[in-house]
Amino acid sequence: MHESHDPATPQPPEDAVEAVVPVIPVVLPLVGAAMMFLLAFIAVTMA
């Protein structure tokens, strides 16, 4: 039987943590800004 992968180009298993790490510098400030906006909106609404 023929295997589907080429032994000349080994594919390491994709780790979930390694997939998320490159987007952390983009996502973290966006989530922080959204959290600050929501908290300020709640504070102004309650005041």
PDB file of N, CA and C in Angstrom:
ATOM      1  N   MET A   1       0.844  -1.190   0.000  1.00  0.00           N
ATOM      2  CA  MET A   1       0.000   0.000   0.000  1.00  0.00           C
ATOM      3  C   MET A   1       0.883   1.246   0.000  1.00  0.00           C
ATOM      4  N   HIS A   2       0.392   2.288  -0.625  1.00  0.00           N
ATOM      5  CA  HIS A   2       1.154   3.530  -0.729  1.00  0.00           C
ATOM      6  C   HIS A   2       0.766   4.455   0.411  1.00  0.00           C
ATOM      7  N   GLU A   3       1.794   4.964   1.100  1.00  0.00           N
ATOM      8  CA  GLU A   3       1.513   5.886   2.202  1.00  0.00           C
ATOM      9  C   GLU A   3       1.285   7.293   1.660  1.00  0.00           C
ATOM     10  N   SER A   4       0.469   8.078   2.368  1.00  0.00           N
ATOM     11  CA  SER A   4       0.064   9.373   1.844  1.00  0.00           C
ATOM     12  C   SER A   4       1.122  10.450   2.046  1.00  0.00           C
ATOM     13  N   HIS A   5       2.065  10.260   2.966  1.00  0.00           N
ATOM     14  CA  HIS A   5       3.039  11.317   3.218  1.00  0.00           C
ATOM     15  C   HIS A   5       4.367  11.013   2.543  1.00  0.00           C
ATOM     16  N   ASP A   6       5.069  12.085   2.194  1.00  0.00           N
ATOM     17  CA  ASP A   6       6.363  11.957   1.524  1.00  0.00           C
ATOM     18  C   ASP A   6       7.469  11.924   2.575  1.00  0.00           C
ATOM     19  N   PRO A   7       8.283  10.891   2.615  1.00  0.00           N
ATOM     20  CA  PRO A   7       9.327  10.824   3.654  1.00  0.00           C
ATOM     21  C   PRO A   7      10.394  11.900   3.491  1.00  0.00           C
ATOM     22  N   ALA A   8      10.507  12.530   2.317  1.00  0.00           N
ATOM     23  CA  ALA A   8      11.509  13.577   2.123  1.00  0.00           C
ATOM     24  C   ALA A   8      11.123  14.865   2.845  1.00  0.00           C
ATOM     25  N   THR A   9       9.824  15.072   3.068  1.00  0.00           N
ATOM     26  CA  THR A   9       9.373  16.280   3.764  1.00  0.00           C
ATOM     27  C   THR A   9       8.595  15.862   5.004  1.00  0.00           C
ATOM     28  N   PRO A  10       9.290  15.663   6.119  1.00  0.00           N
ATOM     29  CA  PRO A  10       8.580  15.253   7.339  1.00  0.00           C
ATOM     30  C   PRO A  10       7.716  16.378   7.888  1.00  0.00           C
ATOM     31  N   GLN A  11       6.502  16.036   8.268  1.00  0.00           N
ATOM     32  CA  GLN A  11       5.591  17.003   8.847  1.00  0.00           C
ATOM     33  C   GLN A  11       5.480  16.746  10.354  1.00  0.00           C
ATOM     34  N   PRO A  12       6.004  17.657  11.185  1.00  0.00           N
ATOM     35  CA  PRO A  12       5.835  17.461  12.631  1.00  0.00           C
ATOM     36  C   PRO A  12       4.372  17.665  13.017  1.00  0.00           C
ATOM     37  N   PRO A  13       3.925  16.992  14.040  1.00  0.00           N
ATOM     38  CA  PRO A  13       2.526  17.185  14.467  1.00  0.00           C
ATOM     39  C   PRO A  13       2.297  18.615  14.932  1.00  0.00           C
ATOM     40  N   GLU A  14       1.191  19.200  14.517  1.00  0.00           N
ATOM     41  CA  GLU A  14       0.872  20.582  14.862  1.00  0.00           C
ATOM     42  C   GLU A  14       0.420  20.670  16.319  1.00  0.00           C
ATOM     43  N   ASP A  15       1.161  21.426  17.111  1.00  0.00           N
ATOM     44  CA  ASP A  15       0.827  21.585  18.522  1.00  0.00           C
ATOM     45  C   ASP A  15      -0.124  22.767  18.666  1.00  0.00           C
ATOM     46  N   ALA A  16      -1.115  22.647  19.527  1.00  0.00           N
ATOM     47  CA  ALA A  16      -2.098  23.707  19.706  1.00  0.00           C
ATOM     48  C   ALA A  16      -1.437  24.970  20.258  1.00  0.00           C
ATOM     49  N   VAL A  17      -0.510  24.812  21.180  1.00  0.00           N
ATOM     50  CA  VAL A  17       0.151  25.976  21.771  1.00  0.00           C
ATOM     51  C   VAL A  17       0.991  26.696  20.722  1.00  0.00           C
ATOM     52  N   GLU A  18       1.718  25.945  19.903  1.00  0.00           N
ATOM     53  CA  GLU A  18       2.547  26.561  18.876  1.00  0.00           C
ATOM     54  C   GLU A  18       1.709  27.249  17.814  1.00  0.00           C
ATOM     55  N   ALA A  19       0.484  26.826  17.627  1.00  0.00           N
ATOM     56  CA  ALA A  19      -0.386  27.466  16.650  1.00  0.00           C
ATOM     57  C   ALA A  19      -0.929  28.797  17.181  1.00  0.00           C
ATOM     58  N   VAL A  20      -1.063  28.927  18.506  1.00  0.00           N
ATOM     59  CA  VAL A  20      -1.676  30.120  19.098  1.00  0.00           C
ATOM     60  C   VAL A  20      -0.639  31.198  19.382  1.00  0.00           C
ATOM     61  N   VAL A  21       0.602  30.804  19.689  1.00  0.00           N
ATOM     62  CA  VAL A  21       1.625  31.762  20.136  1.00  0.00           C
ATOM     63  C   VAL A  21       1.843  32.918  19.153  1.00  0.00           C
ATOM     64  N   PRO A  22       1.884  32.719  17.829  1.00  0.00           N
ATOM     65  CA  PRO A  22       2.148  33.876  16.950  1.00  0.00           C
ATOM     66  C   PRO A  22       1.065  34.948  16.960  1.00  0.00           C
ATOM     67  N   VAL A  23      -0.165  34.615  17.319  1.00  0.00           N
ATOM     68  CA  VAL A  23      -1.241  35.607  17.278  1.00  0.00           C
ATOM     69  C   VAL A  23      -1.463  36.293  18.622  1.00  0.00           C
ATOM     70  N   ILE A  24      -0.726  35.884  19.660  1.00  0.00           N
ATOM     71  CA  ILE A  24      -0.921  36.484  20.985  1.00  0.00           C
ATOM     72  C   ILE A  24      -0.654  37.988  20.989  1.00  0.00           C
ATOM     73  N   PRO A  25       0.421  38.502  20.349  1.00  0.00           N
ATOM     74  CA  PRO A  25       0.638  39.963  20.384  1.00  0.00           C
ATOM     75  C   PRO A  25      -0.458  40.773  19.703  1.00  0.00           C
ATOM     76  N   VAL A  26      -1.253  40.153  18.853  1.00  0.00           N
ATOM     77  CA  VAL A  26      -2.347  40.867  18.191  1.00  0.00           C
ATOM     78  C   VAL A  26      -3.631  40.749  19.001  1.00  0.00           C
ATOM     79  N   VAL A  27      -3.899  39.550  19.501  1.00  0.00           N
ATOM     80  CA  VAL A  27      -5.175  39.292  20.169  1.00  0.00           C
ATOM     81  C   VAL A  27      -5.216  39.916  21.563  1.00  0.00           C
ATOM     82  N   LEU A  28      -4.103  39.876  22.290  1.00  0.00           N
ATOM     83  CA  LEU A  28      -4.098  40.347  23.673  1.00  0.00           C
ATOM     84  C   LEU A  28      -4.472  41.828  23.790  1.00  0.00           C
ATOM     85  N   PRO A  29      -3.894  42.745  23.004  1.00  0.00           N
ATOM     86  CA  PRO A  29      -4.324  44.148  23.116  1.00  0.00           C
ATOM     87  C   PRO A  29      -5.771  44.361  22.683  1.00  0.00           C
ATOM     88  N   LEU A  30      -6.222  43.612  21.678  1.00  0.00           N
ATOM     89  CA  LEU A  30      -7.606  43.774  21.239  1.00  0.00           C
ATOM     90  C   LEU A  30      -8.583  43.348  22.329  1.00  0.00           C
ATOM     91  N   VAL A  31      -8.281  42.228  22.983  1.00  0.00           N
ATOM     92  CA  VAL A  31      -9.144  41.764  24.073  1.00  0.00           C
ATOM     93  C   VAL A  31      -9.086  42.744  25.243  1.00  0.00           C
ATOM     94  N   GLY A  32      -7.896  43.270  25.530  1.00  0.00           N
ATOM     95  CA  GLY A  32      -7.767  44.254  26.610  1.00  0.00           C
ATOM     96  C   GLY A  32      -8.558  45.512  26.315  1.00  0.00           C
ATOM     97  N   ALA A  33      -8.505  45.990  25.072  1.00  0.00           N
ATOM     98  CA  ALA A  33      -9.259  47.194  24.706  1.00  0.00           C
ATOM     99  C   ALA A  33     -10.758  46.948  24.800  1.00  0.00           C
ATOM    100  N   ALA A  34     -11.193  45.777  24.351  1.00  0.00           N
ATOM    101  CA  ALA A  34     -12.623  45.456  24.437  1.00  0.00           C
ATOM    102  C   ALA A  34     -13.070  45.374  25.895  1.00  0.00           C
ATOM    103  N   MET A  35     -12.226  44.780  26.747  1.00  0.00           N
ATOM    104  CA  MET A  35     -12.566  44.676  28.168  1.00  0.00           C
ATOM    105  C   MET A  35     -12.655  46.061  28.818  1.00  0.00           C
ATOM    106  N   MET A  36     -11.698  46.948  28.491  1.00  0.00           N
ATOM    107  CA  MET A  36     -11.728  48.299  29.060  1.00  0.00           C
ATOM    108  C   MET A  36     -12.978  49.051  28.602  1.00  0.00           C
ATOM    109  N   PHE A  37     -13.325  48.901  27.311  1.00  0.00           N
ATOM    110  CA  PHE A  37     -14.521  49.575  26.808  1.00  0.00           C
ATOM    111  C   PHE A  37     -15.777  49.067  27.506  1.00  0.00           C
ATOM    112  N   LEU A  38     -15.874  47.746  27.672  1.00  0.00           N
ATOM    113  CA  LEU A  38     -17.064  47.192  28.318  1.00  0.00           C
ATOM    114  C   LEU A  38     -17.157  47.623  29.778  1.00  0.00           C
ATOM    115  N   LEU A  39     -16.020  47.612  30.487  1.00  0.00           N
ATOM    116  CA  LEU A  39     -16.043  48.040  31.894  1.00  0.00           C
ATOM    117  C   LEU A  39     -16.401  49.516  32.011  1.00  0.00           C
ATOM    118  N   ALA A  40     -15.861  50.371  31.117  1.00  0.00           N
ATOM    119  CA  ALA A  40     -16.201  51.789  31.152  1.00  0.00           C
ATOM    120  C   ALA A  40     -17.672  52.001  30.809  1.00  0.00           C
ATOM    121  N   PHE A  41     -18.180  51.229  29.855  1.00  0.00           N
ATOM    122  CA  PHE A  41     -19.605  51.346  29.495  1.00  0.00           C
ATOM    123  C   PHE A  41     -20.492  50.971  30.674  1.00  0.00           C
ATOM    124  N   ILE A  42     -20.130  49.909  31.377  1.00  0.00           N
ATOM    125  CA  ILE A  42     -20.904  49.490  32.550  1.00  0.00           C
ATOM    126  C   ILE A  42     -20.837  50.559  33.632  1.00  0.00           C
ATOM    127  N   ALA A  43     -19.644  51.140  33.859  1.00  0.00           N
ATOM    128  CA  ALA A  43     -19.499  52.172  34.906  1.00  0.00           C
ATOM    129  C   ALA A  43     -20.320  53.409  34.566  1.00  0.00           C
ATOM    130  N   VAL A  44     -20.316  53.838  33.306  1.00  0.00           N
ATOM    131  CA  VAL A  44     -21.075  55.024  32.924  1.00  0.00           C
ATOM    132  C   VAL A  44     -22.570  54.732  32.993  1.00  0.00           C
ATOM    133  N   THR A  45     -22.966  53.511  32.639  1.00  0.00           N
ATOM    134  CA  THR A  45     -24.388  53.174  32.683  1.00  0.00           C
ATOM    135  C   THR A  45     -24.904  53.144  34.121  1.00  0.00           C
ATOM    136  N   MET A  46     -24.095  52.629  35.038  1.00  0.00           N
ATOM    137  CA  MET A  46     -24.527  52.540  36.434  1.00  0.00           C
ATOM    138  C   MET A  46     -24.473  53.891  37.147  1.00  0.00           C
ATOM    139  N   ALA A  47     -23.652  54.806  36.667  1.00  0.00           N
ATOM    140  CA  ALA A  47     -23.503  56.106  37.338  1.00  0.00           C
ATOM    141  C   ALA A  47     -24.696  57.014  37.088  1.00  0.00           C
TER     142      ALA A  47
END
